[in-house]
Amino acid sequence: MVRAHVFHAVAFMENFQLRELAEAFPDARRTQHEVRRTLGSAGGEVFMYPFGAVVFHDVDAATREKEIVALRRIRPGLKEAKVVSEEFTVREDVGAKPAVSEGTLVLDKSTPERASIIALTVGQSAAMEYYERIVEDMFIQTDRIVERLEHVGTVSTKMRPLHRFIGAAIGTRNEVLSVLHLLDKPDAAWEDPGMSQIYDELRAEFDLVDRYRALELKLGSVQDSLELVLDVARDRRLVLLEITVVLLILLEVVLGIVRAA
């Protein structure tokens, strides 16, 4: 018997507090890394993760929208627009070996533990895409600043915008590194060889490791470039300060000569 399962991930800009979600949904089960709910008569499940991703398992579009509306009531700070939406299909086929074929994961059987690992990986992929967009935009902005430095030989003396941008870059880097450490293999995957293989297949399908490394490299490049720009900006301000001091000394000398005359 062949049965299809659909996992639909939505990633938001804001992160979640699992305790807050668990209190808002008394029927949910909370673990260290997720809040999981069964939708009862509507069918399907919802997984919510601290890195701002919600994954629906076998939930129709209308019910998904209702759940998102309910989530926004609990978290008014959520932006109206969804940042990233990603869908993944799993085919349950008795006797099949876990493998990804043409973008679909084939399993011999689906279990709650396996559904949890699949949902986590799809959610991570959606969150990764969100961070990739942020880092790419930051990379482009940094490149413009460095390009100005190459052509003009200096940077703007307005330090406050530069400091804000550097602060945002550091904050994004810290958030990426703290959130995406969840790419470590879940404990459940170590307990079941089949689940471990599923996790490895999914990680390869979504290219999570290489994408994470690419993010680290880009963030490192942004940080190095901004440190250089900041040093140049500070040097320029020091030169201007020294020139100002010299001019003031000259002015004082001139005024002294004028008074003596």
Foldseek 3Di string as FASTA:
>chain_A
DKDKKKKKKFAFPAFDDQVLVCVLPVQWDDDPFWIKHAPPPQGWIWIHGRRRMIMTMRGDPVVVVVVVVSVCVSVVVTDPDTQFMDMAMEMADAPDAFAADPRYTYHNDDDPLLVVLVNVLRRLLRSLVSLVVVLVVLLVVLVVQVVCCVVVVAGDLPCPVLVVSLVVLVVSVVSLVVPVVVLPDDPVLVVDVSSVVNNVNSCVSSVVVVSSVVSVVSSVVSNVSSVVNVVRSVVVVVVVVVVVVVVVVVVVVVVVVVVVD
